[in-house]
C-alpha atoms as a PDB file:
ATOM      1  CA  GLY A   1      -0.240   0.295  -0.300  1.00  0.00           C
ATOM      2  CA  MET A   2       0.572   3.599  -0.036  1.00  0.00           C
ATOM      3  CA  ASP A   3       1.166   5.648   2.856  1.00  0.00           C
ATOM      4  CA  PRO A   4      -2.267   8.476   3.368  1.00  0.00           C
ATOM      5  CA  GLN A   5      -1.923  11.609   1.154  1.00  0.00           C
ATOM      6  CA  LEU A   6      -3.054  15.190   3.608  1.00  0.00           C
ATOM      7  CA  ILE A   7      -4.184  17.650   1.375  1.00  0.00           C
ATOM      8  CA  ILE A   8      -4.456  21.181   3.053  1.00  0.00           C
ATOM      9  CA  GLY A   9      -6.828  23.673   1.409  1.00  0.00           C
ATOM     10  CA  ASP A  10      -9.403  23.754  -0.985  1.00  0.00           C
ATOM     11  CA  ALA A  11      -7.806  21.106  -3.275  1.00  0.00           C
ATOM     12  CA  LEU A  12     -10.270  18.744  -5.744  1.00  0.00           C
ATOM     13  CA  SER A  13      -7.922  16.937  -7.395  1.00  0.00           C
ATOM     14  CA  TYR A  14      -3.995  15.071  -6.013  1.00  0.00           C
ATOM     15  CA  ILE A  15      -1.560  13.778  -8.744  1.00  0.00           C
ATOM     16  CA  LEU A  16      -0.223  10.499  -7.438  1.00  0.00           C
ATOM     17  CA  LYS A  17       3.574   9.830  -8.928  1.00  0.00           C
ATOM     18  CA  GLY A  18       5.205   6.613  -8.518  1.00  0.00           C
ATOM     19  CA  LEU A  19       2.174   3.953  -9.719  1.00  0.00           C
ATOM     20  CA  THR A  20       2.734   0.567 -11.355  1.00  0.00           C
ATOM     21  CA  GLN A  21       1.998   0.369 -14.814  1.00  0.00           C
ATOM     22  CA  GLY A  22      -0.595  -2.919 -15.170  1.00  0.00           C
ATOM     23  CA  ARG A  23      -2.438  -3.084 -11.722  1.00  0.00           C
ATOM     24  CA  ILE A  24      -5.663  -2.383 -10.008  1.00  0.00           C
ATOM     25  CA  TYR A  25      -5.438   0.023  -7.208  1.00  0.00           C
ATOM     26  CA  GLN A  26      -8.760   1.362  -4.847  1.00  0.00           C
ATOM     27  CA  PHE A  27      -8.400   4.920  -3.535  1.00  0.00           C
ATOM     28  CA  SER A  28     -10.523   6.733  -0.667  1.00  0.00           C
ATOM     29  CA  VAL A  29     -11.514   9.825  -0.177  1.00  0.00           C
ATOM     30  CA  PHE A  30     -11.456  11.340   3.479  1.00  0.00           C
ATOM     31  CA  ALA A  31     -13.355  14.586   4.020  1.00  0.00           C
ATOM     32  CA  TYR A  32     -11.597  15.845   7.107  1.00  0.00           C
ATOM     33  CA  ILE A  33     -12.839  19.384   9.618  1.00  0.00           C
ATOM     34  CA  ASP A  34     -11.939  18.333  12.946  1.00  0.00           C
ATOM     35  CA  LEU A  35     -12.551  14.976  12.686  1.00  0.00           C
ATOM     36  CA  PRO A  36     -13.197  12.796  10.164  1.00  0.00           C
ATOM     37  CA  SER A  37     -15.939  12.646   7.964  1.00  0.00           C
ATOM     38  CA  SER A  38     -17.011  11.020   5.270  1.00  0.00           C
ATOM     39  CA  GLU A  39     -15.160   8.913   3.060  1.00  0.00           C
ATOM     40  CA  SER A  40     -15.415   7.971  -0.435  1.00  0.00           C
ATOM     41  CA  ASN A  41     -13.814   4.999  -2.831  1.00  0.00           C
ATOM     42  CA  ASP A  42     -13.008   4.664  -6.107  1.00  0.00           C
ATOM     43  CA  VAL A  43     -11.184   1.721  -8.238  1.00  0.00           C
ATOM     44  CA  ILE A  44      -8.990   2.958 -10.780  1.00  0.00           C
ATOM     45  CA  ALA A  45      -7.285   0.501 -13.458  1.00  0.00           C
ATOM     46  CA  LEU A  46      -3.750   1.744 -14.503  1.00  0.00           C
ATOM     47  CA  PHE A  47      -3.428  -0.088 -18.324  1.00  0.00           C
ATOM     48  CA  ASP A  48      -4.262  -0.214 -21.641  1.00  0.00           C
ATOM     49  CA  VAL A  49      -5.679  -1.426 -24.695  1.00  0.00           C
ATOM     50  CA  PRO A  50      -3.243  -4.521 -25.127  1.00  0.00           C
ATOM     51  CA  GLN A  51      -0.488  -5.153 -27.853  1.00  0.00           C
ATOM     52  CA  ILE A  52       1.719  -7.947 -29.313  1.00  0.00           C
ATOM     53  CA  SER A  53       5.033  -6.919 -28.764  1.00  0.00           C
ATOM     54  CA  PHE A  54       6.061  -9.860 -30.701  1.00  0.00           C
ATOM     55  CA  LEU A  55       4.963 -12.612 -32.706  1.00  0.00           C
ATOM     56  CA  SER A  56       7.260 -15.700 -34.230  1.00  0.00           C
ATOM     57  CA  ALA A  57       6.246 -18.542 -35.835  1.00  0.00           C
ATOM     58  CA  GLU A  58       8.266 -21.930 -37.271  1.00  0.00           C
ATOM     59  CA  PRO A  59       6.977 -25.629 -38.903  1.00  0.00           C
ATOM     60  CA  ILE A  60       6.967 -28.523 -35.834  1.00  0.00           C
ATOM     61  CA  ASN A  61       6.418 -31.073 -38.604  1.00  0.00           C
ATOM     62  CA  THR A  62       4.423 -30.764 -42.375  1.00  0.00           C
ATOM     63  CA  THR A  63       1.805 -30.095 -40.456  1.00  0.00           C
ATOM     64  CA  SER A  64       1.486 -28.404 -37.706  1.00  0.00           C
ATOM     65  CA  ILE A  65       3.057 -24.894 -36.400  1.00  0.00           C
ATOM     66  CA  ARG A  66       3.950 -23.543 -33.463  1.00  0.00           C
ATOM     67  CA  ILE A  67       3.218 -19.723 -32.325  1.00  0.00           C
ATOM     68  CA  ASN A  68       4.954 -17.440 -30.191  1.00  0.00           C
ATOM     69  CA  TRP A  69       4.238 -14.215 -28.615  1.00  0.00           C
ATOM     70  CA  ASN A  70       5.104 -11.650 -26.176  1.00  0.00           C
ATOM     71  CA  THR A  71       2.298  -8.253 -25.242  1.00  0.00           C
ATOM     72  CA  THR A  72       3.753  -4.626 -24.039  1.00  0.00           C
ATOM     73  CA  THR A  73       4.771  -4.851 -20.462  1.00  0.00           C
ATOM     74  CA  GLY A  74       2.314  -4.362 -18.031  1.00  0.00           C
ATOM     75  CA  SER A  75      -0.246  -4.819 -20.256  1.00  0.00           C
ATOM     76  CA  ILE A  76      -3.207  -6.936 -19.258  1.00  0.00           C
ATOM     77  CA  VAL A  77      -5.040  -9.264 -21.592  1.00  0.00           C
ATOM     78  CA  ASP A  78      -8.050 -11.205 -21.121  1.00  0.00           C
ATOM     79  CA  ASN A  79      -7.730 -13.148 -24.388  1.00  0.00           C
ATOM     80  CA  TYR A  80      -6.521 -13.627 -27.586  1.00  0.00           C
ATOM     81  CA  THR A  81      -7.992 -14.366 -31.421  1.00  0.00           C
ATOM     82  CA  LEU A  82      -5.838 -16.702 -33.908  1.00  0.00           C
ATOM     83  CA  VAL A  83      -6.669 -16.349 -37.109  1.00  0.00           C
ATOM     84  CA  TYR A  84      -4.641 -18.089 -40.072  1.00  0.00           C
ATOM     85  CA  ASN A  85      -5.371 -19.517 -43.238  1.00  0.00           C
ATOM     86  CA  GLY A  86      -3.350 -20.788 -45.960  1.00  0.00           C
ATOM     87  CA  THR A  87      -4.146 -20.494 -50.044  1.00  0.00           C
ATOM     88  CA  CYS A  88      -4.089 -22.840 -52.278  1.00  0.00           C
ATOM     89  CA  ASP A  89      -4.722 -22.345 -55.926  1.00  0.00           C
ATOM     90  CA  GLU A  90      -8.156 -19.860 -55.323  1.00  0.00           C
ATOM     91  CA  VAL A  91      -8.706 -22.230 -52.021  1.00  0.00           C
ATOM     92  CA  LYS A  92      -8.476 -20.530 -48.473  1.00  0.00           C
ATOM     93  CA  VAL A  93      -8.129 -22.625 -45.291  1.00  0.00           C
ATOM     94  CA  ILE A  94      -9.147 -20.197 -43.067  1.00  0.00           C
ATOM     95  CA  SER A  95      -9.809 -21.273 -38.974  1.00  0.00           C
ATOM     96  CA  SER A  96      -9.515 -19.160 -36.158  1.00  0.00           C
ATOM     97  CA  LEU A  97      -8.497 -19.836 -31.862  1.00  0.00           C
ATOM     98  CA  TYR A  98     -10.439 -18.501 -29.372  1.00  0.00           C
ATOM     99  CA  ILE A  99      -7.571 -18.514 -26.334  1.00  0.00           C
ATOM    100  CA  VAL A 100      -8.581 -16.591 -22.465  1.00  0.00           C
ATOM    101  CA  ASN A 101      -4.992 -16.446 -21.143  1.00  0.00           C
ATOM    102  CA  THR A 102      -3.466 -13.027 -18.744  1.00  0.00           C
ATOM    103  CA  VAL A 103       0.107 -13.671 -18.821  1.00  0.00           C
ATOM    104  CA  THR A 104       1.796 -11.731 -21.603  1.00  0.00           C
ATOM    105  CA  SER A 105       4.209 -14.617 -23.685  1.00  0.00           C
ATOM    106  CA  LEU A 106       2.391 -17.543 -24.665  1.00  0.00           C
ATOM    107  CA  SER A 107       3.316 -19.659 -27.486  1.00  0.00           C
ATOM    108  CA  THR A 108       0.414 -22.232 -29.144  1.00  0.00           C
ATOM    109  CA  ASP A 109       0.625 -24.993 -31.247  1.00  0.00           C
ATOM    110  CA  ILE A 110      -1.871 -25.596 -34.402  1.00  0.00           C
ATOM    111  CA  ARG A 111      -2.013 -28.860 -36.046  1.00  0.00           C
ATOM    112  CA  ASN A 112      -3.469 -30.504 -38.277  1.00  0.00           C
ATOM    113  CA  LEU A 113      -2.936 -28.908 -41.337  1.00  0.00           C
ATOM    114  CA  PRO A 114      -2.335 -29.880 -44.890  1.00  0.00           C
ATOM    115  CA  SER A 115       1.347 -29.911 -45.851  1.00  0.00           C
ATOM    116  CA  GLY A 116       3.321 -27.766 -48.683  1.00  0.00           C
ATOM    117  CA  LEU A 117       1.279 -24.287 -48.449  1.00  0.00           C
ATOM    118  CA  GLU A 118       2.031 -21.067 -47.180  1.00  0.00           C
ATOM    119  CA  TYR A 119       0.201 -20.055 -44.366  1.00  0.00           C
ATOM    120  CA  THR A 120      -0.854 -16.268 -43.058  1.00  0.00           C
ATOM    121  CA  LEU A 121      -1.411 -16.241 -39.052  1.00  0.00           C
ATOM    122  CA  SER A 122      -3.010 -13.339 -36.956  1.00  0.00           C
ATOM    123  CA  ILE A 123      -3.001 -12.809 -33.635  1.00  0.00           C
ATOM    124  CA  GLN A 124      -5.238  -9.840 -31.588  1.00  0.00           C
ATOM    125  CA  PRO A 125      -4.742  -9.705 -27.831  1.00  0.00           C
ATOM    126  CA  GLU A 126      -8.542  -7.718 -26.243  1.00  0.00           C
ATOM    127  CA  ASN A 127      -9.463  -6.885 -22.119  1.00  0.00           C
ATOM    128  CA  ILE A 128     -11.984  -4.738 -21.213  1.00  0.00           C
ATOM    129  CA  LEU A 129     -11.113  -2.107 -22.583  1.00  0.00           C
ATOM    130  CA  GLY A 130     -10.558  -3.174 -26.369  1.00  0.00           C
ATOM    131  CA  LYS A 131      -8.333  -4.982 -28.739  1.00  0.00           C
ATOM    132  CA  GLY A 132      -5.237  -4.045 -30.524  1.00  0.00           C
ATOM    133  CA  ILE A 133      -3.763  -3.957 -33.395  1.00  0.00           C
ATOM    134  CA  GLU A 134      -4.187  -6.910 -35.562  1.00  0.00           C
ATOM    135  CA  LYS A 135      -0.379  -8.463 -36.068  1.00  0.00           C
ATOM    136  CA  ASN A 136       0.684 -11.234 -38.826  1.00  0.00           C
ATOM    137  CA  VAL A 137       3.303 -13.902 -40.120  1.00  0.00           C
ATOM    138  CA  SER A 138       3.671 -16.142 -42.111  1.00  0.00           C
ATOM    139  CA  VAL A 139       5.158 -19.369 -42.497  1.00  0.00           C
ATOM    140  CA  MET A 140       5.965 -22.407 -44.486  1.00  0.00           C
ATOM    141  CA  LEU A 141       5.206 -25.867 -44.481  1.00  0.00           C
ATOM    142  CA  ASN A 142       7.554 -29.041 -45.720  1.00  0.00           C
ATOM    143  CA  GLU A 143       5.894 -30.537 -48.599  1.00  0.00           C
ATOM    144  CA  THR A 144       4.980 -34.312 -48.189  1.00  0.00           C
ATOM    145  CA  PHE A 145       3.564 -36.941 -50.639  1.00  0.00           C
ATOM    146  CA  PRO A 146       0.387 -36.158 -51.353  1.00  0.00           C
ATOM    147  CA  SER A 147      -2.614 -37.628 -49.170  1.00  0.00           C
ATOM    148  CA  GLY A 148      -5.197 -38.003 -52.108  1.00  0.00           C
ATOM    149  CA  SER A 149      -5.419 -39.279 -55.683  1.00  0.00           C
ATOM    150  CA  PRO A 150      -6.850 -38.099 -58.500  1.00  0.00           C
ATOM    151  CA  LYS A 151     -10.549 -38.770 -60.148  1.00  0.00           C
ATOM    152  CA  LEU A 152      -9.852 -41.169 -62.648  1.00  0.00           C
ATOM    153  CA  TYR A 153     -13.504 -41.120 -65.180  1.00  0.00           C
ATOM    154  CA  PRO A 154     -13.651 -44.070 -66.939  1.00  0.00           C
ATOM    155  CA  PRO A 155     -11.988 -44.641 -70.623  1.00  0.00           C
ATOM    156  CA  VAL A 156     -12.926 -43.750 -73.485  1.00  0.00           C
ATOM    157  CA  VAL A 157     -12.841 -46.714 -76.133  1.00  0.00           C
ATOM    158  CA  LEU A 158     -10.827 -45.441 -79.104  1.00  0.00           C
ATOM    159  CA  ASN A 159     -10.590 -48.532 -81.495  1.00  0.00           C
ATOM    160  CA  SER A 160      -9.482 -52.417 -80.162  1.00  0.00           C
ATOM    161  CA  THR A 161      -6.062 -50.815 -79.033  1.00  0.00           C
ATOM    162  CA  SER A 162      -6.470 -48.256 -77.905  1.00  0.00           C
ATOM    163  CA  ILE A 163      -8.276 -45.904 -75.053  1.00  0.00           C
ATOM    164  CA  ARG A 164      -8.105 -42.210 -73.463  1.00  0.00           C
ATOM    165  CA  VAL A 165      -7.755 -41.841 -69.700  1.00  0.00           C
ATOM    166  CA  LYS A 166      -8.858 -38.879 -68.588  1.00  0.00           C
ATOM    167  CA  TRP A 167      -8.966 -37.922 -64.525  1.00  0.00           C
ATOM    168  CA  ASP A 168      -9.662 -34.927 -62.603  1.00  0.00           C
ATOM    169  CA  GLU A 169      -6.449 -33.314 -60.726  1.00  0.00           C
ATOM    170  CA  VAL A 170      -5.958 -33.564 -56.558  1.00  0.00           C
ATOM    171  CA  GLU A 171      -7.376 -31.578 -54.617  1.00  0.00           C
ATOM    172  CA  CYS A 172      -5.995 -28.963 -53.499  1.00  0.00           C
ATOM    173  CA  THR A 173      -5.730 -29.036 -49.912  1.00  0.00           C
ATOM    174  CA  GLN A 174      -4.445 -32.811 -50.745  1.00  0.00           C
ATOM    175  CA  ARG A 175      -1.471 -32.231 -52.959  1.00  0.00           C
ATOM    176  CA  ASN A 176       0.675 -31.734 -50.216  1.00  0.00           C
ATOM    177  CA  GLY A 177       3.124 -30.280 -52.029  1.00  0.00           C
ATOM    178  CA  ILE A 178       3.863 -28.974 -55.842  1.00  0.00           C
ATOM    179  CA  ILE A 179       2.113 -31.545 -58.152  1.00  0.00           C
ATOM    180  CA  THR A 180       5.347 -32.797 -61.018  1.00  0.00           C
ATOM    181  CA  GLY A 181       3.803 -35.364 -62.864  1.00  0.00           C
ATOM    182  CA  TYR A 182       1.245 -38.855 -62.875  1.00  0.00           C
ATOM    183  CA  ILE A 183       1.695 -42.381 -62.747  1.00  0.00           C
ATOM    184  CA  ILE A 184      -1.119 -44.330 -64.833  1.00  0.00           C
ATOM    185  CA  GLN A 185      -1.216 -47.820 -64.722  1.00  0.00           C
ATOM    186  CA  TYR A 186      -2.799 -50.162 -66.544  1.00  0.00           C
ATOM    187  CA  ASN A 187      -2.698 -54.495 -66.915  1.00  0.00           C
ATOM    188  CA  ILE A 188      -4.877 -56.957 -68.275  1.00  0.00           C
ATOM    189  CA  ILE A 189      -6.979 -58.356 -65.410  1.00  0.00           C
ATOM    190  CA  ASN A 190      -4.599 -61.245 -63.700  1.00  0.00           C
ATOM    191  CA  ASP A 191      -1.494 -60.410 -65.366  1.00  0.00           C
ATOM    192  CA  SER A 192       0.964 -59.473 -62.424  1.00  0.00           C
ATOM    193  CA  ASN A 193       3.598 -57.506 -65.094  1.00  0.00           C
ATOM    194  CA  PRO A 194       1.286 -53.864 -65.234  1.00  0.00           C
ATOM    195  CA  LYS A 195       2.852 -51.092 -67.391  1.00  0.00           C
ATOM    196  CA  LYS A 196       3.282 -47.591 -66.837  1.00  0.00           C
ATOM    197  CA  VAL A 197       3.434 -44.356 -68.251  1.00  0.00           C
ATOM    198  CA  THR A 198       3.833 -41.246 -67.254  1.00  0.00           C
ATOM    199  CA  THR A 199       2.474 -37.010 -68.163  1.00  0.00           C
ATOM    200  CA  ASP A 200       3.670 -34.257 -66.917  1.00  0.00           C
ATOM    201  CA  ALA A 201       1.713 -31.669 -63.960  1.00  0.00           C
ATOM    202  CA  GLU A 202      -0.517 -30.027 -66.987  1.00  0.00           C
ATOM    203  CA  ALA A 203      -2.119 -33.343 -68.172  1.00  0.00           C
ATOM    204  CA  THR A 204      -5.499 -34.279 -67.798  1.00  0.00           C
ATOM    205  CA  ASN A 205      -5.702 -37.290 -70.106  1.00  0.00           C
ATOM    206  CA  ILE A 206      -3.918 -39.596 -72.281  1.00  0.00           C
ATOM    207  CA  VAL A 207      -4.116 -42.030 -75.073  1.00  0.00           C
ATOM    208  CA  ILE A 208      -2.808 -45.477 -74.563  1.00  0.00           C
ATOM    209  CA  THR A 209      -1.975 -47.727 -77.433  1.00  0.00           C
ATOM    210  CA  GLY A 210      -1.369 -51.133 -78.324  1.00  0.00           C
ATOM    211  CA  LEU A 211      -3.542 -52.595 -76.248  1.00  0.00           C
ATOM    212  CA  SER A 212      -4.551 -56.111 -76.635  1.00  0.00           C
ATOM    213  CA  ARG A 213      -8.110 -57.014 -77.684  1.00  0.00           C
ATOM    214  CA  PHE A 214     -10.936 -58.999 -76.857  1.00  0.00           C
ATOM    215  CA  SER A 215      -9.023 -58.128 -73.253  1.00  0.00           C
ATOM    216  CA  LEU A 216      -9.763 -56.937 -69.765  1.00  0.00           C
ATOM    217  CA  TYR A 217      -7.751 -54.128 -68.381  1.00  0.00           C
ATOM    218  CA  SER A 218      -7.548 -52.781 -64.942  1.00  0.00           C
ATOM    219  CA  ILE A 219      -6.669 -49.275 -64.512  1.00  0.00           C
ATOM    220  CA  SER A 220      -5.230 -46.921 -63.026  1.00  0.00           C
ATOM    221  CA  ILE A 221      -3.682 -43.601 -61.387  1.00  0.00           C
ATOM    222  CA  ALA A 222      -1.494 -42.029 -58.874  1.00  0.00           C
END
């Protein structure tokens, strides 16, 4: 606590010095004639809207990001809003976290993200006085194997020994990086020696020739 301050005269205000930022003070005012009379109480908080003073993000593995941040000294924080998104073509993977915490140094992990994307993360602190300025940071997750496969359509027979195979590319959030090409595998049913053809990443169809007439084939793509 602080020592009582005696104010003599008709003063209606007084400046208190040497207070500590980030603390809540309670004040009592007594009116004196010869003896103490009425008492008035008030509470004041010596803090401001919180601000982020430091923000960083780093990949933990191919599907997880760790984000670290600090707030300004003396800040009182009721909660943080963390928003993150990864852009893949025109698709955005967007989500948010609502973190209730009053400490000034925090870290959290974001897991189960699609690999191979660049993510933008923003965090905003808040207390009873309002919301601080939103801070942003970007981080890239390393590539890994695709978690999905192209959508394969039924082959179109061109003649007795040729077919056209058509497919759709792997969904954006299942590519886990940049697709460099496709492998089409085909073989006569019950034949243990399949043949393979490859295409570049832009291809969405291919004509396979030299097939055996009157044969039933199995076709797959990866």
